Amino acid sequence: MSFFHIVSVGFVVAIIAAAAWFLTPKGKDQVLIRSSVALALTCCYLMWAITYLAQLHPLIAPRRADLRFED
């Protein structure tokens, strides 16, 4: 199930980046705007994906601290 979420959100981000690429108004800063939007979307997607996967599959299993160990 997690693979579907990662791919589907990546697909949505790619569509938004493509739309921003083609809908950027012409001008002397067109390349700068395109690059900035693409970079911002990529960074936000990577941050979300890493956080999502880290919570879904933690490296260290949580332990309860309020339990007493029996002798």
C-alpha atoms as a PDB file:
ATOM      1  CA  MET A   1       0.000   0.000   0.000  1.00  0.00           C
ATOM      2  CA  SER A   2       2.846   2.412   0.719  1.00  0.00           C
ATOM      3  CA  PHE A   3       4.291   1.987  -2.792  1.00  0.00           C
ATOM      4  CA  PHE A   4       0.970   3.147  -4.261  1.00  0.00           C
ATOM      5  CA  HIS A   5       0.980   6.302  -2.126  1.00  0.00           C
ATOM      6  CA  ILE A   6       4.568   7.188  -2.988  1.00  0.00           C
ATOM      7  CA  VAL A   7       4.013   6.684  -6.725  1.00  0.00           C
ATOM      8  CA  SER A   8       0.627   8.415  -6.844  1.00  0.00           C
ATOM      9  CA  VAL A   9       1.860  11.507  -5.003  1.00  0.00           C
ATOM     10  CA  GLY A  10       4.966  11.529  -7.206  1.00  0.00           C
ATOM     11  CA  PHE A  11       2.739  11.394 -10.265  1.00  0.00           C
ATOM     12  CA  VAL A  12       0.670  14.346  -8.999  1.00  0.00           C
ATOM     13  CA  VAL A  13       3.827  16.348  -8.266  1.00  0.00           C
ATOM     14  CA  ALA A  14       5.147  15.557 -11.762  1.00  0.00           C
ATOM     15  CA  ILE A  15       1.884  16.788 -13.304  1.00  0.00           C
ATOM     16  CA  ILE A  16       2.046  20.013 -11.289  1.00  0.00           C
ATOM     17  CA  ALA A  17       5.691  20.529 -12.303  1.00  0.00           C
ATOM     18  CA  ALA A  18       4.840  19.937 -15.964  1.00  0.00           C
ATOM     19  CA  ALA A  19       1.940  22.379 -15.740  1.00  0.00           C
ATOM     20  CA  ALA A  20       4.188  24.996 -14.151  1.00  0.00           C
ATOM     21  CA  TRP A  21       6.798  24.371 -16.850  1.00  0.00           C
ATOM     22  CA  PHE A  22       4.364  25.057 -19.684  1.00  0.00           C
ATOM     23  CA  LEU A  23       2.293  27.778 -17.981  1.00  0.00           C
ATOM     24  CA  THR A  24       5.204  29.986 -16.929  1.00  0.00           C
ATOM     25  CA  PRO A  25       4.814  33.384 -18.589  1.00  0.00           C
ATOM     26  CA  LYS A  26       7.443  34.381 -21.133  1.00  0.00           C
ATOM     27  CA  GLY A  27      10.054  36.842 -20.057  1.00  0.00           C
ATOM     28  CA  LYS A  28      13.665  37.220 -19.113  1.00  0.00           C
ATOM     29  CA  ASP A  29      13.188  35.238 -15.861  1.00  0.00           C
ATOM     30  CA  GLN A  30      11.295  32.316 -17.381  1.00  0.00           C
ATOM     31  CA  VAL A  31      14.130  29.817 -16.877  1.00  0.00           C
ATOM     32  CA  LEU A  32      14.645  30.963 -13.285  1.00  0.00           C
ATOM     33  CA  ILE A  33      10.943  30.592 -12.459  1.00  0.00           C
ATOM     34  CA  ARG A  34      10.733  27.158 -14.095  1.00  0.00           C
ATOM     35  CA  SER A  35      13.810  25.913 -12.303  1.00  0.00           C
ATOM     36  CA  SER A  36      12.689  27.302  -8.948  1.00  0.00           C
ATOM     37  CA  VAL A  37       9.244  25.734  -9.162  1.00  0.00           C
ATOM     38  CA  ALA A  38      10.626  22.371 -10.260  1.00  0.00           C
ATOM     39  CA  LEU A  39      13.275  22.392  -7.520  1.00  0.00           C
ATOM     40  CA  ALA A  40      10.792  23.415  -4.824  1.00  0.00           C
ATOM     41  CA  LEU A  41       8.312  20.705  -5.822  1.00  0.00           C
ATOM     42  CA  THR A  42      11.049  18.072  -5.950  1.00  0.00           C
ATOM     43  CA  CYS A  43      12.394  19.021  -2.516  1.00  0.00           C
ATOM     44  CA  CYS A  44       8.923  19.060  -0.954  1.00  0.00           C
ATOM     45  CA  TYR A  45       8.120  15.666  -2.474  1.00  0.00           C
ATOM     46  CA  LEU A  46      11.371  14.126  -1.249  1.00  0.00           C
ATOM     47  CA  MET A  47      10.856  15.512   2.270  1.00  0.00           C
ATOM     48  CA  TRP A  48       7.327  14.129   2.367  1.00  0.00           C
ATOM     49  CA  ALA A  49       8.353  10.729   0.981  1.00  0.00           C
ATOM     50  CA  ILE A  50      11.262  10.296   3.399  1.00  0.00           C
ATOM     51  CA  THR A  51       9.117  11.297   6.383  1.00  0.00           C
ATOM     52  CA  TYR A  52       6.261   9.039   5.264  1.00  0.00           C
ATOM     53  CA  LEU A  53       8.500   6.032   4.754  1.00  0.00           C
ATOM     54  CA  ALA A  54      10.397   6.628   8.012  1.00  0.00           C
ATOM     55  CA  GLN A  55       7.131   6.546   9.952  1.00  0.00           C
ATOM     56  CA  LEU A  56       5.832   3.570   8.022  1.00  0.00           C
ATOM     57  CA  HIS A  57       8.953   1.420   8.478  1.00  0.00           C
ATOM     58  CA  PRO A  58      10.900   2.667  11.518  1.00  0.00           C
ATOM     59  CA  LEU A  59      14.471   1.473  11.957  1.00  0.00           C
ATOM     60  CA  ILE A  60      14.164   1.223  15.742  1.00  0.00           C
ATOM     61  CA  ALA A  61      11.053  -0.362  17.229  1.00  0.00           C
ATOM     62  CA  PRO A  62       9.467   1.760  19.961  1.00  0.00           C
ATOM     63  CA  ARG A  63       9.486   0.330  23.509  1.00  0.00           C
ATOM     64  CA  ARG A  64       7.292   1.246  26.412  1.00  0.00           C
ATOM     65  CA  ALA A  65       9.243   2.746  29.284  1.00  0.00           C
ATOM     66  CA  ASP A  66       6.548   2.348  31.950  1.00  0.00           C
ATOM     67  CA  LEU A  67       6.727  -1.472  32.106  1.00  0.00           C
ATOM     68  CA  ARG A  68       8.495  -3.344  34.883  1.00  0.00           C
ATOM     69  CA  PHE A  69      10.608  -6.315  34.000  1.00  0.00           C
ATOM     70  CA  GLU A  70       9.846  -9.446  35.966  1.00  0.00           C
ATOM     71  CA  ASP A  71      12.715 -11.147  37.808  1.00  0.00           C
END
